[in-house]
Amino acid sequence: MAHTQVNVPDLGGIDEVEVIEICVKVGDSLETEEALIVLESDKATMEVPAPFSGTVKEILVSVGDKVGSGTHVANMEAEGGAQAASEEQAAPKQAAPEEQANTQESATARPEASAANASAEPQEMDVIVPDLGGVDAVEIIELSASIGDELAAEDSLMVLESDKATMEIPAPQAGKLLSFAVKVGDKVSQGDVVGKMLVTQAATSTAETKSDAPKSAAEKSEAAPAKAETPSAQANQPAANTHSTPSTNTSGKVHAGPAVRKLARELGVDLAQVNGSGPRGRIQKQDLYDFVKQRVNNPVASPLTVKGSDEDFSKYGEISEKSLNKIKQVTARNMVASWSTIPQVTQFDEADITELETYRKQSMGALLPEGVKVSPLAFIMKACAKALQAFPEFNSSLGPNADTLILKQYYNIGIAVDTPDGLLVPVVKGVESKGVVDLAVDSSELAKKARDKKLPMDAMSGASFTISSLGGIGGTAFTPIVNAPQVAILGVSKASYKPVWNGKEFEPRLMLPLSLSYDHRVIDGAQAARFARYLCELLTDVRHLLL
């Protein structure tokens, strides 16, 4: 039988995108629209689906390759031969009468659009809220522009805040801001019109003309999220990948693409508990966000609620009230839940970082790129990754019924960041594979984004361990609360010089206080003491961290 080529669909004007995942192997049998490979651009992820049912005969690309529209990426053999493949590919192109009418209208309108394009007259356009990753009713906390402002494309118009993060809504094109349809305190969702801009007709007409062509994943993510099952599957609702390991739910199998499975791992969601809203019960990203939202807001899932005092304090003197923002409210609920459901103990120890600090401030400085600074936190993160590899129970979570232990093979470390709005915990991914300098750069960039309210929505998910460092402020020790569903957290206080006996005499050594809180259901005291001691040994001899 003849093999049929599988090509990359239209990417909406993007020249090249990177192949980030191969979802199948040679010999796999696929249904129509099951994912073959996953591509990623600067703004979106999309899957290249099987155009027909058949068998994979050849894969022509590798992870890391760059491809463009029309690139030949694989060969398949249709179940019923070349004729069946041709019929199956042609079938979706037979438009319904309404679609044919729309196509005719579009064709009639094109000369007018071209004429308008030539005139390049200014035109009003709506500013629409883009994809929010499945989160609904996000509050506007800041209007970053004023009516009448001349804005460049991607300039910030407003800032939104959800329970976990903030994000900016950018200007879709260069132009003049005419009006806002919303105000601070309003809640908006994906697709809402929040303002109007005056832009050139040329840019708008070009965009309209492109809309007649097949849309890319990024375009569909913004314009038509409900049509996720077309061949060019959008990033936020990927096609199914039935070659992932299935798990049982009410329908018997889990149908979810690789992007959805990756998000589920980062959110700590068991896909078997999620009901999919797509065809054949396929789980989409929004289903995961809805599931997490339901669990967070369900009073049954949270054994205790945050309760303050109802006493009238004004009878004792003057008072004032200050509202807690959403970040602090959610942090409070999470801390109460963690403290009340996890039996936690804290192990205290001290690491001698005298040599580490000497190396960091003297020898290492000459080796660093210009403008790069390495704080002790980068060394601590690297030491934690090594310790987690040596003591895998610390890099785990309890299963749904608390009768199994899920050992994670990835080492993503959350770093608590103090911001004006409260505590945020961005996550540095793949710590075990990065050097100290890379960790310093990554953690510094994430901390800056957190303070500037520019932290992406997904930057605070997927942590397997957390570090809370108060070394820059002071203190000798504290008891950090375990960040469920993790089982351990490391607190770092301010280092100070102490007299240490070396066997002959006391000498001044720079000692770093460490506070390791852990879930006593998973970790016992002896394990915690060994983990803390091993961590101290790694920090004492910097050579262990540089190997």
Protein backbone atom coordinates (compact mmCIF):
# COMPACT_ATOMS: atom_id res chain seq x y z
CA MET A 1 0.00 0.00 0.00
CA ALA A 2 1.10 3.54 -0.72
CA HIS A 3 2.05 5.76 2.17
CA THR A 4 0.35 9.14 2.64
CA GLN A 5 2.23 12.20 3.83
CA VAL A 6 1.28 14.03 7.02
CA ASN A 7 2.14 17.71 6.78
CA VAL A 8 2.08 20.57 9.29
CA PRO A 9 -1.18 22.53 8.87
CA ASP A 10 -1.32 26.27 8.34
CA LEU A 11 0.39 28.11 11.22
CA GLY A 12 -1.29 31.45 10.60
CA GLY A 13 1.76 33.28 9.30
CA ILE A 14 4.28 31.91 11.81
CA ASP A 15 7.46 30.93 10.00
CA GLU A 16 8.91 28.25 12.25
CA VAL A 17 7.85 26.46 15.43
CA GLU A 18 9.69 23.89 17.50
CA VAL A 19 8.79 20.23 17.85
CA ILE A 20 8.57 19.68 21.63
CA GLU A 21 7.06 16.19 21.80
CA ILE A 22 6.61 13.08 19.66
CA CYS A 23 3.34 11.48 20.78
CA VAL A 24 3.53 8.21 18.83
CA LYS A 25 5.98 5.64 17.54
CA VAL A 26 6.28 3.74 14.27
CA GLY A 27 3.68 0.99 14.13
CA ASP A 28 1.05 2.76 16.25
CA SER A 29 -2.54 2.62 14.99
CA LEU A 30 -4.30 5.97 15.22
CA GLU A 31 -7.82 7.28 14.89
CA THR A 32 -8.55 10.47 13.00
CA GLU A 33 -7.31 13.59 14.86
CA GLU A 34 -5.20 11.73 17.40
CA ALA A 35 -1.99 13.65 18.09
CA LEU A 36 1.19 12.79 16.19
CA ILE A 37 3.51 15.53 17.40
CA VAL A 38 3.29 18.68 19.53
CA LEU A 39 4.60 22.04 18.33
CA GLU A 40 5.30 25.14 20.39
CA SER A 41 5.66 28.78 19.37
CA ASP A 42 6.38 31.78 21.59
CA LYS A 43 2.70 32.10 22.48
CA ALA A 44 0.96 28.76 22.04
CA THR A 45 1.23 25.00 21.79
CA MET A 46 -0.51 22.97 19.10
CA GLU A 47 -0.73 19.34 18.07
CA VAL A 48 -0.39 17.97 14.55
CA PRO A 49 -3.19 15.38 14.34
CA ALA A 50 -3.58 12.26 12.22
CA PRO A 51 -5.59 13.34 9.15
CA PHE A 52 -7.18 9.86 8.88
CA SER A 53 -7.35 6.51 10.66
CA GLY A 54 -4.31 4.36 9.97
CA THR A 55 -0.86 3.20 10.99
CA VAL A 56 2.27 5.30 11.53
CA LYS A 57 4.92 4.13 9.08
CA GLU A 58 7.60 6.79 9.48
CA ILE A 59 8.35 9.81 11.67
CA LEU A 60 10.56 12.35 9.91
CA VAL A 61 11.24 14.86 12.70
CA SER A 62 12.79 14.80 16.15
CA VAL A 63 12.22 16.81 19.33
CA GLY A 64 13.93 20.17 18.91
CA ASP A 65 13.48 20.35 15.11
CA LYS A 66 11.99 23.50 13.60
CA VAL A 67 9.09 23.12 11.17
CA GLY A 68 6.79 25.41 9.22
CA SER A 69 3.44 25.26 7.44
CA GLY A 70 3.40 22.31 5.02
CA THR A 71 6.50 20.58 6.42
CA HIS A 72 6.39 16.82 5.79
CA VAL A 73 6.61 15.34 9.32
CA ALA A 74 5.38 11.75 9.00
CA ASN A 75 4.07 9.01 6.72
CA MET A 76 0.92 7.01 7.46
CA GLU A 77 -0.89 4.11 5.86
CA ALA A 78 -4.68 4.35 5.89
CA GLU A 79 -6.75 1.45 7.15
CA GLY A 80 -8.67 1.18 3.88
CA GLY A 81 -5.82 2.23 1.58
CA ALA A 82 -5.10 5.46 -0.23
CA GLN A 83 -8.68 5.89 -1.44
CA ALA A 84 -10.04 5.73 2.13
CA ALA A 85 -7.48 8.25 3.26
CA SER A 86 -8.41 10.58 0.44
CA GLU A 87 -12.13 10.28 1.23
CA GLU A 88 -11.58 10.80 4.96
CA GLN A 89 -9.45 13.88 4.39
CA ALA A 90 -11.93 15.28 1.90
CA ALA A 91 -15.02 14.67 4.04
CA PRO A 92 -14.55 17.55 6.48
CA LYS A 93 -14.13 19.96 3.57
CA GLN A 94 -17.77 19.47 2.44
CA ALA A 95 -19.26 22.56 4.04
CA ALA A 96 -22.81 22.75 5.27
CA PRO A 97 -25.21 25.07 3.34
CA GLU A 98 -24.82 27.77 6.00
CA GLU A 99 -21.02 27.53 5.78
CA GLN A 100 -21.15 27.66 1.98
CA ALA A 101 -23.26 30.78 2.21
CA ASN A 102 -20.77 32.33 4.60
CA THR A 103 -17.95 31.41 2.22
CA GLN A 104 -19.77 33.07 -0.68
CA GLU A 105 -20.36 36.17 1.41
CA SER A 106 -16.68 36.24 2.35
CA ALA A 107 -15.67 35.89 -1.29
CA THR A 108 -18.03 38.74 -2.23
CA ALA A 109 -16.67 40.92 0.55
CA ARG A 110 -13.01 40.46 -0.37
CA PRO A 111 -12.88 43.15 -3.11
CA GLU A 112 -14.45 45.62 -0.67
CA ALA A 113 -11.93 44.63 2.00
CA SER A 114 -9.10 45.12 -0.47
CA ALA A 115 -10.40 48.57 -1.35
CA ALA A 116 -10.71 49.49 2.30
CA ASN A 117 -7.26 48.09 2.89
CA ALA A 118 -5.84 50.31 0.23
CA SER A 119 -7.36 53.39 1.84
CA ALA A 120 -5.82 52.48 5.22
CA GLU A 121 -8.38 54.60 7.07
CA PRO A 122 -8.50 54.47 10.88
CA GLN A 123 -11.16 52.16 12.27
CA GLU A 124 -12.53 51.33 15.69
CA MET A 125 -11.89 47.84 17.04
CA ASP A 126 -12.96 46.06 20.20
CA VAL A 127 -10.38 45.05 22.81
CA ILE A 128 -11.25 41.51 23.88
CA VAL A 129 -10.04 39.52 26.89
CA PRO A 130 -7.79 36.67 25.58
CA ASP A 131 -7.68 33.09 26.80
CA LEU A 132 -7.38 32.97 30.61
CA GLY A 133 -6.56 29.28 30.83
CA GLY A 134 -10.10 28.29 31.78
CA VAL A 135 -10.43 30.76 34.67
CA ASP A 136 -13.74 32.67 34.77
CA ALA A 137 -14.67 36.00 36.36
CA VAL A 138 -11.19 37.46 36.95
CA GLU A 139 -11.14 40.81 38.73
CA ILE A 140 -9.68 43.99 37.21
CA ILE A 141 -7.30 45.49 39.76
CA GLU A 142 -5.67 48.21 37.65
CA LEU A 143 -6.24 50.23 34.48
CA SER A 144 -2.76 50.76 33.06
CA ALA A 145 -3.68 53.21 30.27
CA SER A 146 -5.83 56.32 29.97
CA ILE A 147 -8.41 57.22 27.36
CA GLY A 148 -6.66 59.08 24.56
CA ASP A 149 -3.31 57.34 25.05
CA GLU A 150 -1.38 56.33 21.93
CA LEU A 151 -0.32 52.74 22.49
CA ALA A 152 2.06 50.35 20.77
CA ALA A 153 1.06 46.74 20.19
CA GLU A 154 1.41 44.68 23.40
CA ASP A 155 1.41 47.78 25.67
CA SER A 156 -0.47 47.02 28.88
CA LEU A 157 -4.11 48.16 29.02
CA MET A 158 -5.16 46.66 32.34
CA VAL A 159 -4.15 44.15 35.01
CA LEU A 160 -6.31 41.21 36.10
CA GLU A 161 -5.96 39.24 39.32
CA SER A 162 -7.18 35.71 39.95
CA ASP A 163 -6.86 33.68 43.13
CA LYS A 164 -3.31 32.67 42.26
CA ALA A 165 -1.72 35.26 39.97
CA THR A 166 -1.97 38.50 38.05
CA MET A 167 -1.82 39.02 34.31
CA GLU A 168 -1.88 41.98 31.94
CA ILE A 169 -4.25 42.53 29.02
CA PRO A 170 -2.16 44.02 26.18
CA ALA A 171 -3.18 46.26 23.31
CA PRO A 172 -3.85 43.93 20.35
CA GLN A 173 -2.53 46.51 17.84
CA ALA A 174 -0.91 49.91 17.82
CA GLY A 175 -3.44 52.70 18.05
CA LYS A 176 -5.35 55.18 20.21
CA LEU A 177 -7.40 54.10 23.23
CA LEU A 178 -10.93 55.44 22.75
CA SER A 179 -12.80 54.05 25.74
CA PHE A 180 -12.99 51.52 28.53
CA ALA A 181 -16.13 49.41 28.95
CA VAL A 182 -15.05 48.30 32.41
CA LYS A 183 -13.65 49.74 35.63
CA VAL A 184 -11.46 48.60 38.51
CA GLY A 185 -13.28 45.97 40.52
CA ASP A 186 -15.25 44.57 37.58
CA LYS A 187 -14.91 40.88 36.77
CA VAL A 188 -14.25 39.70 33.22
CA SER A 189 -13.89 36.40 31.39
CA GLN A 190 -12.41 35.21 28.11
CA GLY A 191 -14.08 36.93 25.14
CA ASP A 192 -15.44 39.94 27.06
CA VAL A 193 -15.15 43.33 25.35
CA VAL A 194 -13.27 45.65 27.71
CA GLY A 195 -12.63 48.69 25.53
CA LYS A 196 -12.28 50.23 22.07
CA MET A 197 -9.23 51.36 20.14
CA LEU A 198 -8.74 53.36 16.96
CA VAL A 199 -6.39 51.45 14.64
CA THR A 200 -5.57 51.59 10.93
CA GLN A 201 -7.95 49.86 8.54
CA ALA A 202 -4.98 48.08 6.93
CA ALA A 203 -4.15 46.01 9.97
CA THR A 204 -7.78 45.09 10.59
CA SER A 205 -8.50 44.19 6.98
CA THR A 206 -5.43 42.00 6.84
CA ALA A 207 -6.59 40.17 9.92
CA GLU A 208 -10.06 39.71 8.42
CA THR A 209 -8.63 38.38 5.18
CA LYS A 210 -6.52 35.87 7.09
CA SER A 211 -9.64 34.66 8.88
CA ASP A 212 -10.81 33.02 5.64
CA ALA A 213 -7.78 30.71 5.75
CA PRO A 214 -7.44 27.79 8.18
CA LYS A 215 -6.69 29.17 11.63
CA SER A 216 -3.59 28.38 13.62
CA ALA A 217 -3.66 27.02 17.13
CA ALA A 218 -2.90 30.43 18.63
CA GLU A 219 -5.71 32.10 16.60
CA LYS A 220 -8.23 29.46 17.59
CA SER A 221 -7.21 29.80 21.22
CA GLU A 222 -8.31 33.44 21.11
CA ALA A 223 -11.11 33.36 18.56
CA ALA A 224 -12.94 30.05 18.77
CA PRO A 225 -12.23 27.91 21.81
CA ALA A 226 -15.40 25.89 21.28
CA LYS A 227 -14.04 24.44 18.02
CA ALA A 228 -11.16 22.58 19.58
CA GLU A 229 -11.76 19.38 17.66
CA THR A 230 -10.75 20.71 14.24
CA PRO A 231 -7.50 19.37 12.71
CA SER A 232 -5.57 22.45 13.83
CA ALA A 233 -6.27 21.79 17.51
CA GLN A 234 -5.86 24.83 19.71
CA ALA A 235 -3.35 24.94 22.52
CA ASN A 236 -5.81 25.07 25.36
CA GLN A 237 -7.98 22.15 24.17
CA PRO A 238 -5.72 19.57 22.53
CA ALA A 239 -6.80 16.48 20.63
CA ALA A 240 -6.85 13.09 22.33
CA ASN A 241 -3.78 10.90 22.66
CA THR A 242 -5.06 7.43 23.40
CA HIS A 243 -1.53 6.10 23.50
CA SER A 244 -1.00 7.69 26.90
CA THR A 245 -1.43 5.27 29.78
CA PRO A 246 -5.18 5.03 30.41
CA SER A 247 -6.72 5.23 33.85
CA THR A 248 -10.21 4.35 34.95
CA ASN A 249 -13.03 6.84 35.47
CA THR A 250 -16.80 6.63 35.15
CA SER A 251 -16.55 5.97 31.43
CA GLY A 252 -13.80 3.36 31.78
CA LYS A 253 -10.91 5.24 30.11
CA VAL A 254 -9.23 8.60 30.26
CA HIS A 255 -9.12 10.44 26.93
CA ALA A 256 -6.69 13.36 27.09
CA GLY A 257 -3.92 14.81 24.96
CA PRO A 258 -0.33 15.21 26.14
CA ALA A 259 -0.70 18.90 26.92
CA VAL A 260 -3.69 18.16 29.16
CA ARG A 261 -1.86 15.29 30.88
CA LYS A 262 1.13 17.55 31.51
CA LEU A 263 -1.11 20.22 33.03
CA ALA A 264 -2.81 17.59 35.19
CA ARG A 265 0.58 16.48 36.55
CA GLU A 266 1.50 20.10 37.34
CA LEU A 267 -1.83 20.72 39.10
CA GLY A 268 -1.71 17.40 40.94
CA VAL A 269 -5.04 16.30 39.43
CA ASP A 270 -5.98 12.63 39.02
CA LEU A 271 -7.44 12.48 35.51
CA ALA A 272 -9.58 9.50 36.50
CA GLN A 273 -11.63 11.85 38.68
CA VAL A 274 -12.27 14.41 35.92
CA ASN A 275 -15.27 14.30 33.59
CA GLY A 276 -14.32 15.37 30.05
CA SER A 277 -16.57 17.75 28.11
CA GLY A 278 -15.14 16.92 24.68
CA PRO A 279 -16.21 14.23 22.21
CA ARG A 280 -15.97 10.68 23.64
CA GLY A 281 -15.49 12.21 27.09
CA ARG A 282 -12.19 13.79 26.05
CA ILE A 283 -10.70 15.89 28.85
CA GLN A 284 -9.76 19.44 27.95
CA LYS A 285 -7.75 22.03 29.85
CA GLN A 286 -10.85 23.90 30.93
CA ASP A 287 -12.16 20.68 32.49
CA LEU A 288 -9.04 20.58 34.69
CA TYR A 289 -9.42 24.21 35.75
CA ASP A 290 -13.11 23.64 36.51
CA PHE A 291 -12.24 20.54 38.56
CA VAL A 292 -9.60 22.40 40.61
CA LYS A 293 -11.92 25.39 41.07
CA GLN A 294 -14.68 23.11 42.35
CA ARG A 295 -12.36 21.41 44.82
CA VAL A 296 -11.01 24.72 46.13
CA ASN A 297 -14.47 26.23 46.58
CA ASN A 298 -16.15 23.08 47.88
CA PRO A 299 -16.54 23.39 51.66
CA VAL A 300 -16.52 19.59 51.96
CA ALA A 301 -13.01 19.47 50.50
CA SER A 302 -11.79 22.08 52.98
CA PRO A 303 -12.28 20.75 56.51
CA LEU A 304 -11.83 24.18 58.09
CA THR A 305 -12.65 27.66 56.86
CA VAL A 306 -10.79 30.82 57.78
CA LYS A 307 -12.60 32.52 60.64
CA GLY A 308 -11.66 35.72 62.35
CA SER A 309 -13.08 37.55 65.34
CA ASP A 310 -16.58 39.06 65.56
CA GLU A 311 -15.72 41.13 68.62
CA ASP A 312 -16.46 44.86 68.47
CA PHE A 313 -12.99 46.35 68.94
CA SER A 314 -14.22 49.93 68.44
CA LYS A 315 -15.37 50.03 72.08
CA TYR A 316 -11.71 50.08 73.11
CA GLY A 317 -10.66 52.91 70.82
CA GLU A 318 -10.35 54.02 67.22
CA ILE A 319 -9.99 51.32 64.56
CA SER A 320 -9.77 51.10 60.79
CA GLU A 321 -10.37 48.25 58.35
CA LYS A 322 -8.29 47.08 55.43
CA SER A 323 -9.52 44.49 52.95
CA LEU A 324 -7.31 41.48 52.29
CA ASN A 325 -6.63 40.92 48.61
CA LYS A 326 -7.44 37.58 47.00
CA ILE A 327 -3.87 36.31 47.21
CA LYS A 328 -3.80 36.75 50.99
CA GLN A 329 -7.28 35.27 51.37
CA VAL A 330 -6.37 32.16 49.38
CA THR A 331 -3.05 31.84 51.23
CA ALA A 332 -4.95 31.95 54.53
CA ARG A 333 -7.36 29.21 53.43
CA ASN A 334 -4.52 27.01 52.18
CA MET A 335 -2.50 27.47 55.36
CA VAL A 336 -5.46 26.60 57.58
CA ALA A 337 -6.16 23.51 55.49
CA SER A 338 -2.50 22.41 55.54
CA TRP A 339 -2.05 23.05 59.27
CA SER A 340 -5.26 21.25 60.21
CA THR A 341 -4.89 18.20 57.94
CA ILE A 342 -1.13 17.50 57.98
CA PRO A 343 0.61 16.28 61.14
CA GLN A 344 3.79 18.27 60.72
CA VAL A 345 7.04 18.42 62.64
CA THR A 346 10.05 20.73 62.15
CA GLN A 347 13.67 19.55 62.21
CA PHE A 348 16.30 22.25 62.89
CA ASP A 349 19.94 22.15 61.81
CA GLU A 350 22.83 24.42 60.81
CA ALA A 351 25.04 24.32 57.73
CA ASP A 352 28.61 25.64 57.77
CA ILE A 353 28.70 27.80 54.61
CA THR A 354 32.01 29.56 55.29
CA GLU A 355 33.75 28.10 52.22
CA LEU A 356 30.63 28.44 50.08
CA GLU A 357 30.41 32.17 50.79
CA THR A 358 34.13 32.65 50.16
CA TYR A 359 33.81 30.93 46.80
CA ARG A 360 30.61 32.80 45.91
CA LYS A 361 31.98 36.24 46.69
CA GLN A 362 35.56 35.81 45.50
CA SER A 363 36.42 32.95 43.16
CA MET A 364 33.02 32.68 41.47
CA GLY A 365 32.70 36.37 40.69
CA ALA A 366 35.39 36.26 38.02
CA LEU A 367 33.62 33.41 36.21
CA LEU A 368 30.16 34.97 35.98
CA PRO A 369 28.77 36.77 32.92
CA GLU A 370 28.49 40.52 33.29
CA GLY A 371 25.40 41.58 35.23
CA VAL A 372 24.73 38.12 36.69
CA LYS A 373 24.68 37.78 40.47
CA VAL A 374 24.44 34.47 42.33
CA SER A 375 22.80 34.50 45.75
CA PRO A 376 23.08 31.71 48.34
CA LEU A 377 19.56 30.64 47.31
CA ALA A 378 20.88 29.21 44.03
CA PHE A 379 23.30 26.96 45.93
CA ILE A 380 20.54 25.94 48.36
CA MET A 381 18.23 25.00 45.46
CA LYS A 382 20.94 22.87 43.88
CA ALA A 383 21.66 21.18 47.21
CA CYS A 384 17.94 20.49 47.74
CA ALA A 385 17.66 18.83 44.31
CA LYS A 386 20.55 16.49 45.19
CA ALA A 387 19.06 15.75 48.60
CA LEU A 388 15.65 15.02 47.06
CA GLN A 389 17.30 12.55 44.69
CA ALA A 390 19.02 10.84 47.62
CA PHE A 391 15.83 10.81 49.76
CA PRO A 392 12.94 10.31 47.27
CA GLU A 393 10.22 10.27 49.97
CA PHE A 394 10.74 14.03 50.38
CA ASN A 395 9.87 14.49 46.68
CA SER A 396 6.50 12.76 46.88
CA SER A 397 2.80 13.19 47.61
CA LEU A 398 0.23 10.97 49.28
CA GLY A 399 -2.28 9.29 46.95
CA PRO A 400 -6.01 10.20 47.02
CA ASN A 401 -6.82 7.72 49.81
CA ALA A 402 -3.57 8.32 51.73
CA ASP A 403 -2.67 4.64 51.25
CA THR A 404 -0.14 5.09 48.42
CA LEU A 405 2.91 7.29 47.93
CA ILE A 406 3.41 9.04 44.59
CA LEU A 407 7.17 9.37 44.03
CA LYS A 408 7.92 12.15 41.56
CA GLN A 409 10.73 11.79 39.05
CA TYR A 410 10.93 15.54 38.45
CA TYR A 411 12.52 18.13 40.74
CA ASN A 412 10.60 21.40 40.56
CA ILE A 413 11.26 23.73 43.48
CA GLY A 414 8.95 26.52 44.56
CA ILE A 415 10.57 29.65 45.98
CA ALA A 416 8.48 31.81 48.30
CA VAL A 417 8.60 35.48 47.18
CA ASP A 418 7.51 38.39 49.35
CA THR A 419 5.48 40.85 47.23
CA PRO A 420 3.48 43.95 48.16
CA ASP A 421 0.29 41.94 47.61
CA GLY A 422 1.33 38.93 49.67
CA LEU A 423 3.30 35.73 49.41
CA LEU A 424 3.67 34.13 45.97
CA VAL A 425 5.49 30.89 45.21
CA PRO A 426 6.78 30.71 41.60
CA VAL A 427 8.31 27.39 40.56
CA VAL A 428 11.75 26.75 39.03
CA LYS A 429 11.37 23.66 36.84
CA GLY A 430 14.00 20.94 36.29
CA VAL A 431 16.35 22.10 39.05
CA GLU A 432 18.37 18.87 38.95
CA SER A 433 19.53 19.52 35.36
CA LYS A 434 20.53 23.18 35.82
CA GLY A 435 23.74 24.72 37.07
CA VAL A 436 24.00 27.20 39.92
CA VAL A 437 24.23 30.19 37.53
CA ASP A 438 21.13 29.10 35.58
CA LEU A 439 19.22 28.66 38.83
CA ALA A 440 20.25 32.12 39.96
CA VAL A 441 19.02 33.65 36.70
CA ASP A 442 15.74 31.70 36.68
CA SER A 443 14.87 32.40 40.32
CA SER A 444 15.75 36.09 39.95
CA GLU A 445 13.56 36.48 36.85
CA LEU A 446 10.61 34.70 38.47
CA ALA A 447 10.90 36.78 41.64
CA LYS A 448 10.95 40.00 39.58
CA LYS A 449 7.88 38.94 37.60
CA ALA A 450 6.08 38.10 40.84
CA ARG A 451 6.78 41.56 42.28
CA ASP A 452 5.88 43.28 38.97
CA LYS A 453 2.57 41.36 38.71
CA LYS A 454 3.70 39.74 35.46
CA LEU A 455 3.93 36.15 36.63
CA PRO A 456 2.30 33.75 34.10
CA MET A 457 -0.71 31.76 35.29
CA ASP A 458 1.15 28.44 35.11
CA ALA A 459 4.35 29.65 36.80
CA MET A 460 3.16 28.67 40.28
CA SER A 461 2.13 25.09 39.58
CA GLY A 462 4.02 21.81 39.52
CA ALA A 463 6.31 22.24 42.54
CA SER A 464 7.47 19.08 44.31
CA PHE A 465 9.32 20.90 47.14
CA THR A 466 9.38 24.46 48.49
CA ILE A 467 12.03 26.78 49.94
CA SER A 468 11.06 29.75 52.11
CA SER A 469 14.07 31.98 52.68
CA LEU A 470 14.03 34.78 55.26
CA GLY A 471 17.81 35.18 55.23
CA GLY A 472 17.66 38.67 53.82
CA ILE A 473 15.42 39.85 56.67
CA GLY A 474 16.80 38.13 59.74
CA GLY A 475 15.83 35.68 62.45
CA THR A 476 17.41 32.53 63.81
CA ALA A 477 14.72 29.89 63.05
CA PHE A 478 11.03 29.51 62.19
CA THR A 479 8.48 26.80 61.47
CA PRO A 480 7.33 26.90 57.81
CA ILE A 481 3.99 25.22 57.05
CA VAL A 482 4.06 22.33 54.58
CA ASN A 483 2.55 23.35 51.24
CA ALA A 484 0.14 20.47 50.49
CA PRO A 485 0.15 18.21 48.50
CA GLN A 486 3.92 18.41 49.01
CA VAL A 487 5.31 16.61 52.06
CA ALA A 488 8.18 18.90 53.05
CA ILE A 489 9.32 22.52 53.02
CA LEU A 490 12.70 24.08 53.88
CA GLY A 491 12.94 27.30 55.85
CA VAL A 492 16.18 29.32 55.61
CA SER A 493 17.11 31.98 58.17
CA LYS A 494 19.95 34.52 58.29
CA ALA A 495 23.50 33.15 58.47
CA SER A 496 25.74 34.40 61.27
CA TYR A 497 29.27 33.76 62.57
CA LYS A 498 29.57 31.43 65.54
CA PRO A 499 32.54 29.93 67.44
CA VAL A 500 32.86 26.30 66.30
CA TRP A 501 35.21 23.74 67.91
CA ASN A 502 37.52 22.20 65.29
CA GLY A 503 39.11 19.66 67.64
CA LYS A 504 41.86 21.98 68.82
CA GLU A 505 40.29 25.38 69.22
CA PHE A 506 37.23 27.48 68.54
CA GLU A 507 37.20 29.29 65.20
CA PRO A 508 34.64 31.63 63.66
CA ARG A 509 32.43 29.85 61.11
CA LEU A 510 29.49 31.21 59.09
CA MET A 511 26.51 29.05 60.10
CA LEU A 512 23.23 28.94 58.16
CA PRO A 513 20.11 27.95 60.17
CA LEU A 514 17.78 25.50 58.36
CA SER A 515 14.23 24.58 59.40
CA LEU A 516 12.78 21.49 57.70
CA SER A 517 9.04 20.95 58.21
CA TYR A 518 7.65 17.61 57.04
CA ASP A 519 4.49 15.52 56.88
CA HIS A 520 4.85 12.94 59.66
CA ARG A 521 2.50 10.55 57.84
CA VAL A 522 5.16 10.11 55.14
CA ILE A 523 8.44 10.98 56.84
CA ASP A 524 9.64 9.95 60.27
CA GLY A 525 12.03 11.87 62.53
CA ALA A 526 15.11 9.81 61.65
CA GLN A 527 14.59 10.38 57.92
CA ALA A 528 14.16 14.11 58.48
CA ALA A 529 17.34 14.32 60.56
CA ARG A 530 19.33 12.44 57.88
CA PHE A 531 17.92 14.63 55.10
CA ALA A 532 18.77 17.84 56.96
CA ARG A 533 22.27 16.60 57.81
CA TYR A 534 22.94 15.55 54.20
CA LEU A 535 21.75 18.96 53.02
CA CYS A 536 24.15 20.63 55.47
CA GLU A 537 27.05 18.50 54.20
CA LEU A 538 26.31 19.48 50.61
CA LEU A 539 26.32 23.18 51.50
CA THR A 540 29.47 22.86 53.60
CA ASP A 541 31.59 21.57 50.68
CA VAL A 542 30.72 23.54 47.54
CA ARG A 543 32.47 20.95 45.35
CA HIS A 544 29.50 18.61 45.83
CA LEU A 545 27.23 21.15 44.12
CA LEU A 546 29.50 21.90 41.17
CA LEU A 547 30.06 18.29 40.08
